[in-house]
């Protein structure tokens, strides 16, 4: 899997963090006790000839604090590439474009959701560890716990760690996934926008660009999706297929294009103005038309089935199309087995 290589860069980042912390100045941040004693936030290294204390929020002037600081910072540096890919993986239009380039030979841009889910779990665990060891370290040093709400680093970190469970847990814990509706879980997941903005201002300038560039690419991609890839189908044809399924057919709107093995997000304003659901789209038997087959399996689809009692025409908004995660294996494989039911 190509994304295994991301962890190589993460490991390099962790190693770089450890070196820049423990190596003597100017390579690293470790300086003699006499120099640390001249700072307004420390009286010098405790029981050590040198320690790490470049600024108030990352001052570790005893061995245990240095260990806690190393764990907290190295875990964050390990996750920097993951932070970036969390936003890049949801830039659907960019990934759809890249999947049509030669880069697809090495990276399956259409299957980024799996990567997003995995990296999200890793980042959730890392963020918890990062916050825990910083808070413990601050709690040990005089009144440093006040940095949690009196400093930009502490306040932005506090915002991020409070939001983290609401972003990660509803999408990963099976009990919560069963308990909460998809709309609530997806709505909470969008708190990641605030989470990302907090991270941009959490540490020195480099993190602003490390998080900011993929964050703004994601934001620009979403704006493009809203203005250029969201199509109004004024007269889509809805027809029930028995009691469990519904077939939607529509003329391809201008700019919709035609591609096999794709999916779209569907919004039916007469059913719900706030819910966009992903469905596979396939070419219809009628020229320049597409179809979506929907199986009844949740609240939204049940409402749809109750509304469509007879064949009828209704408006719909279609976002996409985007290449399906199955597109690359299907197009790049020599032998395929098709199973129908």
C-alpha atoms as a PDB file:
ATOM      1  CA  UNK A   1       0.000   0.000   0.000  1.00  0.00           C
ATOM      2  CA  UNK A   2       1.359   3.403  -1.034  1.00  0.00           C
ATOM      3  CA  UNK A   3       0.273   5.074   2.188  1.00  0.00           C
ATOM      4  CA  UNK A   4       2.685   2.898   4.173  1.00  0.00           C
ATOM      5  CA  UNK A   5       5.351   5.222   2.800  1.00  0.00           C
ATOM      6  CA  UNK A   6       3.730   8.139   4.640  1.00  0.00           C
ATOM      7  CA  UNK A   7       4.822   6.577   7.917  1.00  0.00           C
ATOM      8  CA  UNK A   8       8.432   6.752   6.709  1.00  0.00           C
ATOM      9  CA  UNK A   9       8.119  10.544   6.529  1.00  0.00           C
ATOM     10  CA  UNK A  10       6.368  10.496   9.904  1.00  0.00           C
ATOM     11  CA  UNK A  11       9.250   8.528  11.415  1.00  0.00           C
ATOM     12  CA  UNK A  12      11.742  10.991   9.927  1.00  0.00           C
ATOM     13  CA  UNK A  13       9.745  13.816  11.496  1.00  0.00           C
ATOM     14  CA  UNK A  14       9.794  12.102  14.895  1.00  0.00           C
ATOM     15  CA  UNK A  15      13.558  11.550  14.680  1.00  0.00           C
ATOM     16  CA  UNK A  16      14.094  15.182  13.669  1.00  0.00           C
ATOM     17  CA  UNK A  17      12.053  16.308  16.677  1.00  0.00           C
ATOM     18  CA  UNK A  18      14.109  14.230  19.102  1.00  0.00           C
ATOM     19  CA  UNK A  19      17.361  15.557  17.646  1.00  0.00           C
ATOM     20  CA  UNK A  20      16.242  19.191  17.701  1.00  0.00           C
ATOM     21  CA  UNK A  21      15.205  18.777  21.331  1.00  0.00           C
ATOM     22  CA  UNK A  22      18.096  16.826  22.844  1.00  0.00           C
ATOM     23  CA  UNK A  23      21.075  17.917  20.759  1.00  0.00           C
ATOM     24  CA  UNK A  24      23.119  20.810  22.174  1.00  0.00           C
ATOM     25  CA  UNK A  25      22.445  24.298  20.824  1.00  0.00           C
ATOM     26  CA  UNK A  26      22.575  25.395  17.991  1.00  0.00           C
ATOM     27  CA  UNK A  27      21.620  22.027  16.470  1.00  0.00           C
ATOM     28  CA  UNK A  28      19.110  21.349  19.193  1.00  0.00           C
ATOM     29  CA  UNK A  29      17.363  23.205  22.011  1.00  0.00           C
ATOM     30  CA  UNK A  30      19.450  21.862  24.905  1.00  0.00           C
ATOM     31  CA  UNK A  31      21.441  24.636  26.600  1.00  0.00           C
ATOM     32  CA  UNK A  32      23.549  24.948  29.798  1.00  0.00           C
ATOM     33  CA  UNK A  33      21.780  25.578  33.091  1.00  0.00           C
ATOM     34  CA  UNK A  34      23.383  29.013  33.445  1.00  0.00           C
ATOM     35  CA  UNK A  35      21.706  30.205  30.253  1.00  0.00           C
ATOM     36  CA  UNK A  36      18.336  28.712  31.245  1.00  0.00           C
ATOM     37  CA  UNK A  37      18.573  30.575  34.574  1.00  0.00           C
ATOM     38  CA  UNK A  38      18.640  33.896  32.718  1.00  0.00           C
ATOM     39  CA  UNK A  39      15.151  33.304  31.274  1.00  0.00           C
ATOM     40  CA  UNK A  40      12.125  34.720  33.131  1.00  0.00           C
ATOM     41  CA  UNK A  41      10.390  31.322  33.275  1.00  0.00           C
ATOM     42  CA  UNK A  42      13.098  29.151  34.901  1.00  0.00           C
ATOM     43  CA  UNK A  43      15.729  29.282  37.647  1.00  0.00           C
ATOM     44  CA  UNK A  44      17.983  26.867  35.781  1.00  0.00           C
ATOM     45  CA  UNK A  45      18.163  23.139  35.190  1.00  0.00           C
ATOM     46  CA  UNK A  46      17.296  20.994  38.205  1.00  0.00           C
ATOM     47  CA  UNK A  47      19.926  18.317  38.814  1.00  0.00           C
ATOM     48  CA  UNK A  48      21.220  18.616  35.260  1.00  0.00           C
ATOM     49  CA  UNK A  49      24.030  20.532  33.598  1.00  0.00           C
ATOM     50  CA  UNK A  50      21.816  21.317  30.596  1.00  0.00           C
ATOM     51  CA  UNK A  51      18.120  21.111  29.741  1.00  0.00           C
ATOM     52  CA  UNK A  52      15.490  22.225  27.229  1.00  0.00           C
ATOM     53  CA  UNK A  53      13.888  25.600  27.742  1.00  0.00           C
ATOM     54  CA  UNK A  54      13.663  27.669  24.531  1.00  0.00           C
ATOM     55  CA  UNK A  55      10.395  29.372  25.511  1.00  0.00           C
ATOM     56  CA  UNK A  56       7.865  29.337  28.328  1.00  0.00           C
ATOM     57  CA  UNK A  57       5.405  26.840  26.836  1.00  0.00           C
ATOM     58  CA  UNK A  58       8.089  24.234  26.111  1.00  0.00           C
ATOM     59  CA  UNK A  59      10.352  24.753  29.109  1.00  0.00           C
ATOM     60  CA  UNK A  60      11.512  21.437  30.592  1.00  0.00           C
ATOM     61  CA  UNK A  61      14.172  22.063  33.248  1.00  0.00           C
ATOM     62  CA  UNK A  62      14.250  18.631  34.880  1.00  0.00           C
ATOM     63  CA  UNK A  63      14.718  15.130  33.469  1.00  0.00           C
ATOM     64  CA  UNK A  64      11.110  13.944  33.842  1.00  0.00           C
ATOM     65  CA  UNK A  65       9.774  17.111  32.202  1.00  0.00           C
ATOM     66  CA  UNK A  66      12.232  16.612  29.348  1.00  0.00           C
ATOM     67  CA  UNK A  67      10.946  13.073  28.834  1.00  0.00           C
ATOM     68  CA  UNK A  68       7.319  14.247  28.876  1.00  0.00           C
ATOM     69  CA  UNK A  69       8.145  17.053  26.450  1.00  0.00           C
ATOM     70  CA  UNK A  70       9.873  14.610  24.097  1.00  0.00           C
ATOM     71  CA  UNK A  71       6.866  12.264  24.051  1.00  0.00           C
ATOM     72  CA  UNK A  72       4.418  15.135  23.488  1.00  0.00           C
ATOM     73  CA  UNK A  73       6.343  16.883  20.716  1.00  0.00           C
ATOM     74  CA  UNK A  74       7.664  13.817  18.881  1.00  0.00           C
ATOM     75  CA  UNK A  75       4.157  12.378  18.619  1.00  0.00           C
ATOM     76  CA  UNK A  76       2.978  15.647  17.050  1.00  0.00           C
ATOM     77  CA  UNK A  77       5.897  15.726  14.611  1.00  0.00           C
ATOM     78  CA  UNK A  78       5.125  12.119  13.690  1.00  0.00           C
ATOM     79  CA  UNK A  79       1.603  13.190  12.779  1.00  0.00           C
ATOM     80  CA  UNK A  80       2.433  16.242  10.650  1.00  0.00           C
ATOM     81  CA  UNK A  81       2.188  14.290   7.350  1.00  0.00           C
ATOM     82  CA  UNK A  82      -1.040  12.695   8.603  1.00  0.00           C
ATOM     83  CA  UNK A  83      -2.542  16.106   9.438  1.00  0.00           C
ATOM     84  CA  UNK A  84      -1.853  17.221   5.890  1.00  0.00           C
ATOM     85  CA  UNK A  85      -3.340  14.121   4.255  1.00  0.00           C
ATOM     86  CA  UNK A  86      -6.463  14.257   6.414  1.00  0.00           C
ATOM     87  CA  UNK A  87      -7.486  17.417   4.554  1.00  0.00           C
ATOM     88  CA  UNK A  88      -5.992  16.484   1.180  1.00  0.00           C
ATOM     89  CA  UNK A  89      -7.831  13.153   1.210  1.00  0.00           C
ATOM     90  CA  UNK A  90     -11.171  14.983   1.164  1.00  0.00           C
ATOM     91  CA  UNK A  91     -10.305  17.315  -1.728  1.00  0.00           C
ATOM     92  CA  UNK A  92     -12.527  15.235  -4.015  1.00  0.00           C
ATOM     93  CA  UNK A  93     -12.135  17.311  -7.163  1.00  0.00           C
ATOM     94  CA  UNK A  94      -8.346  17.458  -6.944  1.00  0.00           C
ATOM     95  CA  UNK A  95      -8.148  13.725  -6.279  1.00  0.00           C
ATOM     96  CA  UNK A  96     -10.554  13.051  -9.144  1.00  0.00           C
ATOM     97  CA  UNK A  97      -8.223  14.992 -11.459  1.00  0.00           C
ATOM     98  CA  UNK A  98      -5.076  13.285 -10.157  1.00  0.00           C
ATOM     99  CA  UNK A  99      -6.662   9.864 -10.632  1.00  0.00           C
ATOM    100  CA  UNK A 100      -6.682  10.573 -14.376  1.00  0.00           C
ATOM    101  CA  UNK A 101      -2.916  11.195 -14.423  1.00  0.00           C
ATOM    102  CA  UNK A 102       0.017   8.776 -14.497  1.00  0.00           C
ATOM    103  CA  UNK A 103       0.351   9.212 -10.730  1.00  0.00           C
ATOM    104  CA  UNK A 104      -2.470   6.686 -10.337  1.00  0.00           C
ATOM    105  CA  UNK A 105       0.087   3.990 -11.145  1.00  0.00           C
ATOM    106  CA  UNK A 106       1.497   4.545  -7.653  1.00  0.00           C
ATOM    107  CA  UNK A 107      -1.326   6.204  -5.696  1.00  0.00           C
ATOM    108  CA  UNK A 108      -5.007   5.294  -5.835  1.00  0.00           C
ATOM    109  CA  UNK A 109      -6.491   8.766  -5.379  1.00  0.00           C
ATOM    110  CA  UNK A 110     -10.025   7.391  -5.611  1.00  0.00           C
ATOM    111  CA  UNK A 111      -9.602   5.296  -2.443  1.00  0.00           C
ATOM    112  CA  UNK A 112      -8.533   8.063  -0.087  1.00  0.00           C
ATOM    113  CA  UNK A 113     -11.424   7.452   2.314  1.00  0.00           C
ATOM    114  CA  UNK A 114      -9.720   4.370   3.751  1.00  0.00           C
ATOM    115  CA  UNK A 115      -6.553   6.405   4.296  1.00  0.00           C
ATOM    116  CA  UNK A 116      -8.600   9.224   5.864  1.00  0.00           C
ATOM    117  CA  UNK A 117     -10.238   6.824   8.333  1.00  0.00           C
ATOM    118  CA  UNK A 118      -6.979   5.153   9.362  1.00  0.00           C
ATOM    119  CA  UNK A 119      -5.024   8.390   9.731  1.00  0.00           C
ATOM    120  CA  UNK A 120      -7.925   9.929  11.662  1.00  0.00           C
ATOM    121  CA  UNK A 121      -7.701   7.179  14.301  1.00  0.00           C
ATOM    122  CA  UNK A 122      -3.921   7.590  14.582  1.00  0.00           C
ATOM    123  CA  UNK A 123      -4.235  11.376  14.921  1.00  0.00           C
ATOM    124  CA  UNK A 124      -6.974  10.972  17.546  1.00  0.00           C
ATOM    125  CA  UNK A 125      -4.727   8.767  19.678  1.00  0.00           C
ATOM    126  CA  UNK A 126      -1.703  11.014  19.142  1.00  0.00           C
ATOM    127  CA  UNK A 127      -3.612  14.166  20.025  1.00  0.00           C
ATOM    128  CA  UNK A 128      -4.736  12.617  23.292  1.00  0.00           C
ATOM    129  CA  UNK A 129      -1.171  11.580  24.136  1.00  0.00           C
ATOM    130  CA  UNK A 130       0.197  14.973  23.063  1.00  0.00           C
ATOM    131  CA  UNK A 131      -2.242  16.904  25.244  1.00  0.00           C
ATOM    132  CA  UNK A 132      -1.879  14.558  28.240  1.00  0.00           C
ATOM    133  CA  UNK A 133       1.902  14.829  28.510  1.00  0.00           C
ATOM    134  CA  UNK A 134       1.918  18.594  27.991  1.00  0.00           C
ATOM    135  CA  UNK A 135      -0.727  19.084  30.688  1.00  0.00           C
ATOM    136  CA  UNK A 136       1.112  16.789  33.126  1.00  0.00           C
ATOM    137  CA  UNK A 137       4.353  18.628  32.407  1.00  0.00           C
ATOM    138  CA  UNK A 138       2.759  22.017  33.008  1.00  0.00           C
ATOM    139  CA  UNK A 139       1.052  20.806  36.181  1.00  0.00           C
ATOM    140  CA  UNK A 140       4.468  19.863  37.632  1.00  0.00           C
ATOM    141  CA  UNK A 141       6.065  23.276  37.080  1.00  0.00           C
ATOM    142  CA  UNK A 142       4.915  26.008  39.458  1.00  0.00           C
ATOM    143  CA  UNK A 143       1.936  27.799  37.918  1.00  0.00           C
ATOM    144  CA  UNK A 144       2.514  26.607  34.356  1.00  0.00           C
ATOM    145  CA  UNK A 145      -0.906  24.940  34.199  1.00  0.00           C
ATOM    146  CA  UNK A 146      -2.270  28.463  33.646  1.00  0.00           C
ATOM    147  CA  UNK A 147      -0.602  28.368  30.230  1.00  0.00           C
ATOM    148  CA  UNK A 148      -3.473  26.110  29.201  1.00  0.00           C
ATOM    149  CA  UNK A 149      -5.782  29.135  29.079  1.00  0.00           C
ATOM    150  CA  UNK A 150      -3.374  32.095  29.261  1.00  0.00           C
ATOM    151  CA  UNK A 151      -1.239  31.314  26.182  1.00  0.00           C
ATOM    152  CA  UNK A 152      -2.039  30.958  22.484  1.00  0.00           C
ATOM    153  CA  UNK A 153      -0.424  27.514  22.415  1.00  0.00           C
ATOM    154  CA  UNK A 154      -2.412  26.295  25.398  1.00  0.00           C
ATOM    155  CA  UNK A 155      -5.749  27.767  24.352  1.00  0.00           C
ATOM    156  CA  UNK A 156      -5.610  26.501  20.768  1.00  0.00           C
ATOM    157  CA  UNK A 157      -4.499  23.087  22.032  1.00  0.00           C
ATOM    158  CA  UNK A 158      -7.369  23.037  24.526  1.00  0.00           C
ATOM    159  CA  UNK A 159      -9.857  23.802  21.757  1.00  0.00           C
ATOM    160  CA  UNK A 160      -8.387  21.070  19.549  1.00  0.00           C
ATOM    161  CA  UNK A 161      -8.395  18.358  22.222  1.00  0.00           C
ATOM    162  CA  UNK A 162     -11.963  19.172  23.329  1.00  0.00           C
ATOM    163  CA  UNK A 163     -13.181  18.874  19.734  1.00  0.00           C
ATOM    164  CA  UNK A 164     -11.200  15.719  18.967  1.00  0.00           C
ATOM    165  CA  UNK A 165     -13.566  13.162  20.622  1.00  0.00           C
ATOM    166  CA  UNK A 166     -16.591  14.692  18.847  1.00  0.00           C
ATOM    167  CA  UNK A 167     -14.785  14.413  15.503  1.00  0.00           C
ATOM    168  CA  UNK A 168     -13.246  10.949  15.847  1.00  0.00           C
ATOM    169  CA  UNK A 169     -15.354   8.769  18.145  1.00  0.00           C
ATOM    170  CA  UNK A 170     -18.763   8.950  16.374  1.00  0.00           C
ATOM    171  CA  UNK A 171     -17.062   7.838  13.153  1.00  0.00           C
ATOM    172  CA  UNK A 172     -14.999   4.997  14.677  1.00  0.00           C
ATOM    173  CA  UNK A 173     -16.755   3.488  17.713  1.00  0.00           C
ATOM    174  CA  UNK A 174     -19.323   0.873  16.555  1.00  0.00           C
ATOM    175  CA  UNK A 175     -21.686   1.583  19.477  1.00  0.00           C
ATOM    176  CA  UNK A 176     -21.814   5.312  18.686  1.00  0.00           C
ATOM    177  CA  UNK A 177     -22.188   4.626  14.962  1.00  0.00           C
ATOM    178  CA  UNK A 178     -25.247   2.518  15.751  1.00  0.00           C
ATOM    179  CA  UNK A 179     -26.624   4.948  18.344  1.00  0.00           C
ATOM    180  CA  UNK A 180     -26.247   8.185  16.344  1.00  0.00           C
ATOM    181  CA  UNK A 181     -27.728   8.991  12.959  1.00  0.00           C
ATOM    182  CA  UNK A 182     -25.317   9.559  10.079  1.00  0.00           C
ATOM    183  CA  UNK A 183     -26.418  13.204   9.799  1.00  0.00           C
ATOM    184  CA  UNK A 184     -25.398  13.906  13.407  1.00  0.00           C
ATOM    185  CA  UNK A 185     -22.109  12.063  13.033  1.00  0.00           C
ATOM    186  CA  UNK A 186     -21.271  13.883   9.814  1.00  0.00           C
ATOM    187  CA  UNK A 187     -22.236  17.241  11.323  1.00  0.00           C
ATOM    188  CA  UNK A 188     -19.932  16.656  14.291  1.00  0.00           C
ATOM    189  CA  UNK A 189     -17.183  15.547  11.920  1.00  0.00           C
ATOM    190  CA  UNK A 190     -17.203  19.000  10.317  1.00  0.00           C
ATOM    191  CA  UNK A 191     -15.922  20.363  13.646  1.00  0.00           C
ATOM    192  CA  UNK A 192     -12.603  19.330  12.111  1.00  0.00           C
ATOM    193  CA  UNK A 193     -12.628  22.694  10.320  1.00  0.00           C
ATOM    194  CA  UNK A 194     -12.407  24.484  13.685  1.00  0.00           C
ATOM    195  CA  UNK A 195      -9.908  21.860  14.849  1.00  0.00           C
ATOM    196  CA  UNK A 196      -7.703  22.535  11.825  1.00  0.00           C
ATOM    197  CA  UNK A 197      -7.918  26.306  12.305  1.00  0.00           C
ATOM    198  CA  UNK A 198      -6.859  25.894  15.958  1.00  0.00           C
ATOM    199  CA  UNK A 199      -3.855  23.789  14.922  1.00  0.00           C
ATOM    200  CA  UNK A 200      -2.719  26.438  12.450  1.00  0.00           C
ATOM    201  CA  UNK A 201      -2.134  28.860  15.344  1.00  0.00           C
ATOM    202  CA  UNK A 202      -1.018  26.276  17.910  1.00  0.00           C
ATOM    203  CA  UNK A 203       2.763  26.461  17.485  1.00  0.00           C
ATOM    204  CA  UNK A 204       5.493  28.403  15.623  1.00  0.00           C
ATOM    205  CA  UNK A 205       4.979  29.640  12.063  1.00  0.00           C
ATOM    206  CA  UNK A 206       5.877  26.362  10.336  1.00  0.00           C
ATOM    207  CA  UNK A 207       2.738  24.602  11.540  1.00  0.00           C
ATOM    208  CA  UNK A 208       0.617  27.397  10.044  1.00  0.00           C
ATOM    209  CA  UNK A 209       1.910  26.447   6.610  1.00  0.00           C
ATOM    210  CA  UNK A 210       2.013  22.686   7.233  1.00  0.00           C
ATOM    211  CA  UNK A 211      -1.667  22.689   8.200  1.00  0.00           C
ATOM    212  CA  UNK A 212      -2.732  25.835   6.359  1.00  0.00           C
ATOM    213  CA  UNK A 213      -1.748  24.824   2.816  1.00  0.00           C
ATOM    214  CA  UNK A 214      -3.723  21.525   2.764  1.00  0.00           C
ATOM    215  CA  UNK A 215      -6.525  23.200   4.762  1.00  0.00           C
ATOM    216  CA  UNK A 216      -6.947  25.962   2.165  1.00  0.00           C
ATOM    217  CA  UNK A 217      -6.651  23.461  -0.702  1.00  0.00           C
ATOM    218  CA  UNK A 218      -9.507  21.540   0.890  1.00  0.00           C
ATOM    219  CA  UNK A 219     -11.539  24.736   1.353  1.00  0.00           C
ATOM    220  CA  UNK A 220     -10.947  25.804  -2.272  1.00  0.00           C
ATOM    221  CA  UNK A 221     -11.876  22.320  -3.466  1.00  0.00           C
ATOM    222  CA  UNK A 222     -15.151  22.467  -1.517  1.00  0.00           C
ATOM    223  CA  UNK A 223     -15.955  25.886  -2.997  1.00  0.00           C
ATOM    224  CA  UNK A 224     -15.331  24.518  -6.479  1.00  0.00           C
ATOM    225  CA  UNK A 225     -17.552  21.563  -5.655  1.00  0.00           C
ATOM    226  CA  UNK A 226     -20.344  23.829  -4.465  1.00  0.00           C
ATOM    227  CA  UNK A 227     -20.279  26.236  -7.416  1.00  0.00           C
ATOM    228  CA  UNK A 228     -19.099  24.116 -10.348  1.00  0.00           C
ATOM    229  CA  UNK A 229     -19.805  20.472  -9.527  1.00  0.00           C
ATOM    230  CA  UNK A 230     -23.271  20.774  -7.971  1.00  0.00           C
ATOM    231  CA  UNK A 231     -25.835  20.282 -10.729  1.00  0.00           C
ATOM    232  CA  UNK A 232     -29.570  20.969 -10.567  1.00  0.00           C
ATOM    233  CA  UNK A 233     -31.589  18.270 -12.304  1.00  0.00           C
ATOM    234  CA  UNK A 234     -34.999  19.870 -12.645  1.00  0.00           C
ATOM    235  CA  UNK A 235     -36.853  16.747 -13.754  1.00  0.00           C
ATOM    236  CA  UNK A 236     -35.325  13.504 -12.523  1.00  0.00           C
ATOM    237  CA  UNK A 237     -37.450  10.389 -12.997  1.00  0.00           C
ATOM    238  CA  UNK A 238     -38.146   8.335  -9.861  1.00  0.00           C
ATOM    239  CA  UNK A 239     -39.505   4.808 -10.043  1.00  0.00           C
ATOM    240  CA  UNK A 240     -39.885   2.173  -7.345  1.00  0.00           C
ATOM    241  CA  UNK A 241     -38.474  -1.292  -7.944  1.00  0.00           C
ATOM    242  CA  UNK A 242     -40.656  -3.325  -5.619  1.00  0.00           C
ATOM    243  CA  UNK A 243     -40.720  -2.464  -1.916  1.00  0.00           C
ATOM    244  CA  UNK A 244     -36.987  -2.168  -1.311  1.00  0.00           C
ATOM    245  CA  UNK A 245     -35.437  -0.118  -4.106  1.00  0.00           C
ATOM    246  CA  UNK A 246     -35.862   3.036  -6.172  1.00  0.00           C
ATOM    247  CA  UNK A 247     -34.376   3.832  -9.580  1.00  0.00           C
ATOM    248  CA  UNK A 248     -33.547   7.448 -10.417  1.00  0.00           C
ATOM    249  CA  UNK A 249     -32.838   8.419 -14.039  1.00  0.00           C
ATOM    250  CA  UNK A 250     -31.866  11.850 -15.317  1.00  0.00           C
ATOM    251  CA  UNK A 251     -30.393  13.630 -18.310  1.00  0.00           C
ATOM    252  CA  UNK A 252     -26.737  14.456 -17.740  1.00  0.00           C
ATOM    253  CA  UNK A 253     -26.547  18.186 -16.919  1.00  0.00           C
ATOM    254  CA  UNK A 254     -24.006  20.384 -18.754  1.00  0.00           C
ATOM    255  CA  UNK A 255     -20.484  19.657 -17.556  1.00  0.00           C
ATOM    256  CA  UNK A 256     -21.526  16.408 -15.881  1.00  0.00           C
ATOM    257  CA  UNK A 257     -19.544  14.295 -18.304  1.00  0.00           C
ATOM    258  CA  UNK A 258     -19.588  10.544 -18.465  1.00  0.00           C
ATOM    259  CA  UNK A 259     -17.332   8.136 -16.644  1.00  0.00           C
ATOM    260  CA  UNK A 260     -17.777   4.548 -15.605  1.00  0.00           C
ATOM    261  CA  UNK A 261     -17.300   3.339 -12.029  1.00  0.00           C
ATOM    262  CA  UNK A 262     -18.251   6.631 -10.403  1.00  0.00           C
ATOM    263  CA  UNK A 263     -20.361   7.955  -7.553  1.00  0.00           C
ATOM    264  CA  UNK A 264     -22.268  11.164  -6.843  1.00  0.00           C
ATOM    265  CA  UNK A 265     -23.700  12.928  -3.823  1.00  0.00           C
ATOM    266  CA  UNK A 266     -27.472  13.236  -4.091  1.00  0.00           C
ATOM    267  CA  UNK A 267     -29.594  15.880  -2.377  1.00  0.00           C
ATOM    268  CA  UNK A 268     -33.383  15.865  -2.724  1.00  0.00           C
ATOM    269  CA  UNK A 269     -34.656  19.277  -1.497  1.00  0.00           C
ATOM    270  CA  UNK A 270     -38.224  18.020  -1.130  1.00  0.00           C
ATOM    271  CA  UNK A 271     -36.994  15.282   1.213  1.00  0.00           C
ATOM    272  CA  UNK A 272     -34.226  17.081   3.116  1.00  0.00           C
ATOM    273  CA  UNK A 273     -32.285  20.230   2.224  1.00  0.00           C
ATOM    274  CA  UNK A 274     -29.371  19.330   4.472  1.00  0.00           C
ATOM    275  CA  UNK A 275     -28.560  15.722   3.574  1.00  0.00           C
ATOM    276  CA  UNK A 276     -26.175  14.737   0.774  1.00  0.00           C
ATOM    277  CA  UNK A 277     -25.800  10.986   0.339  1.00  0.00           C
ATOM    278  CA  UNK A 278     -23.290   9.128  -1.822  1.00  0.00           C
ATOM    279  CA  UNK A 279     -24.555   6.665  -4.414  1.00  0.00           C
ATOM    280  CA  UNK A 280     -23.047   4.810  -7.343  1.00  0.00           C
ATOM    281  CA  UNK A 281     -24.017   6.370 -10.683  1.00  0.00           C
ATOM    282  CA  UNK A 282     -23.967   4.429 -13.945  1.00  0.00           C
ATOM    283  CA  UNK A 283     -24.783   5.173 -17.600  1.00  0.00           C
ATOM    284  CA  UNK A 284     -28.456   4.763 -18.430  1.00  0.00           C
ATOM    285  CA  UNK A 285     -29.691   2.818 -21.440  1.00  0.00           C
ATOM    286  CA  UNK A 286     -30.861   6.149 -22.852  1.00  0.00           C
ATOM    287  CA  UNK A 287     -28.111   8.203 -24.492  1.00  0.00           C
ATOM    288  CA  UNK A 288     -26.584  10.997 -22.384  1.00  0.00           C
ATOM    289  CA  UNK A 289     -28.538   9.873 -19.320  1.00  0.00           C
ATOM    290  CA  UNK A 290     -27.413   8.431 -15.984  1.00  0.00           C
ATOM    291  CA  UNK A 291     -29.108   6.297 -13.343  1.00  0.00           C
ATOM    292  CA  UNK A 292     -28.856   5.756  -9.603  1.00  0.00           C
ATOM    293  CA  UNK A 293     -30.267   2.677  -7.862  1.00  0.00           C
ATOM    294  CA  UNK A 294     -31.099   3.221  -4.177  1.00  0.00           C
ATOM    295  CA  UNK A 295     -31.775   0.414  -1.717  1.00  0.00           C
ATOM    296  CA  UNK A 296     -33.915   1.081   1.352  1.00  0.00           C
ATOM    297  CA  UNK A 297     -31.615   0.790   4.358  1.00  0.00           C
ATOM    298  CA  UNK A 298     -32.038   3.895   6.565  1.00  0.00           C
ATOM    299  CA  UNK A 299     -34.292   6.780   7.601  1.00  0.00           C
ATOM    300  CA  UNK A 300     -33.618   8.868   4.493  1.00  0.00           C
ATOM    301  CA  UNK A 301     -34.180   5.998   2.060  1.00  0.00           C
ATOM    302  CA  UNK A 302     -37.326   4.928   3.910  1.00  0.00           C
ATOM    303  CA  UNK A 303     -38.755   8.432   3.528  1.00  0.00           C
ATOM    304  CA  UNK A 304     -37.871   8.292  -0.155  1.00  0.00           C
ATOM    305  CA  UNK A 305     -39.699   4.992  -0.629  1.00  0.00           C
ATOM    306  CA  UNK A 306     -42.788   6.324   1.150  1.00  0.00           C
ATOM    307  CA  UNK A 307     -42.808   9.422  -1.075  1.00  0.00           C
ATOM    308  CA  UNK A 308     -42.317   7.608  -4.376  1.00  0.00           C
ATOM    309  CA  UNK A 309     -45.533   5.599  -4.512  1.00  0.00           C
ATOM    310  CA  UNK A 310     -45.830   5.825  -8.305  1.00  0.00           C
ATOM    311  CA  UNK A 311     -43.390   6.811 -11.082  1.00  0.00           C
ATOM    312  CA  UNK A 312     -42.923  10.585 -10.990  1.00  0.00           C
ATOM    313  CA  UNK A 313     -40.610  13.458 -11.908  1.00  0.00           C
ATOM    314  CA  UNK A 314     -39.039  15.589  -9.188  1.00  0.00           C
ATOM    315  CA  UNK A 315     -36.028  17.949  -8.871  1.00  0.00           C
ATOM    316  CA  UNK A 316     -32.698  16.791  -7.491  1.00  0.00           C
ATOM    317  CA  UNK A 317     -29.214  18.164  -6.887  1.00  0.00           C
ATOM    318  CA  UNK A 318     -26.363  15.927  -8.025  1.00  0.00           C
ATOM    319  CA  UNK A 319     -22.772  16.609  -6.921  1.00  0.00           C
ATOM    320  CA  UNK A 320     -20.013  14.993  -8.964  1.00  0.00           C
ATOM    321  CA  UNK A 321     -19.350  12.593 -10.494  1.00  0.00           C
ATOM    322  CA  UNK A 322     -16.242  11.310  -8.711  1.00  0.00           C
ATOM    323  CA  UNK A 323     -14.294   8.153  -9.460  1.00  0.00           C
ATOM    324  CA  UNK A 324     -15.306   5.220  -7.285  1.00  0.00           C
ATOM    325  CA  UNK A 325     -12.769   3.503  -4.992  1.00  0.00           C
ATOM    326  CA  UNK A 326     -13.323   0.435  -7.168  1.00  0.00           C
ATOM    327  CA  UNK A 327     -12.341   2.238 -10.372  1.00  0.00           C
ATOM    328  CA  UNK A 328      -8.587   1.726 -10.139  1.00  0.00           C
ATOM    329  CA  UNK A 329      -8.662  -2.030  -9.330  1.00  0.00           C
ATOM    330  CA  UNK A 330     -11.318  -2.574 -12.010  1.00  0.00           C
ATOM    331  CA  UNK A 331      -9.466  -0.673 -14.722  1.00  0.00           C
ATOM    332  CA  UNK A 332      -5.962  -1.860 -13.827  1.00  0.00           C
ATOM    333  CA  UNK A 333      -6.687  -5.574 -13.401  1.00  0.00           C
ATOM    334  CA  UNK A 334      -6.398  -8.160 -16.169  1.00  0.00           C
ATOM    335  CA  UNK A 335      -8.918 -10.630 -14.738  1.00  0.00           C
ATOM    336  CA  UNK A 336     -12.272  -9.677 -13.188  1.00  0.00           C
ATOM    337  CA  UNK A 337     -15.014 -11.744 -11.596  1.00  0.00           C
ATOM    338  CA  UNK A 338     -18.515 -10.227 -11.712  1.00  0.00           C
ATOM    339  CA  UNK A 339     -21.114 -11.398  -9.192  1.00  0.00           C
ATOM    340  CA  UNK A 340     -24.770 -10.412  -9.466  1.00  0.00           C
ATOM    341  CA  UNK A 341     -27.640 -11.005  -7.070  1.00  0.00           C
END
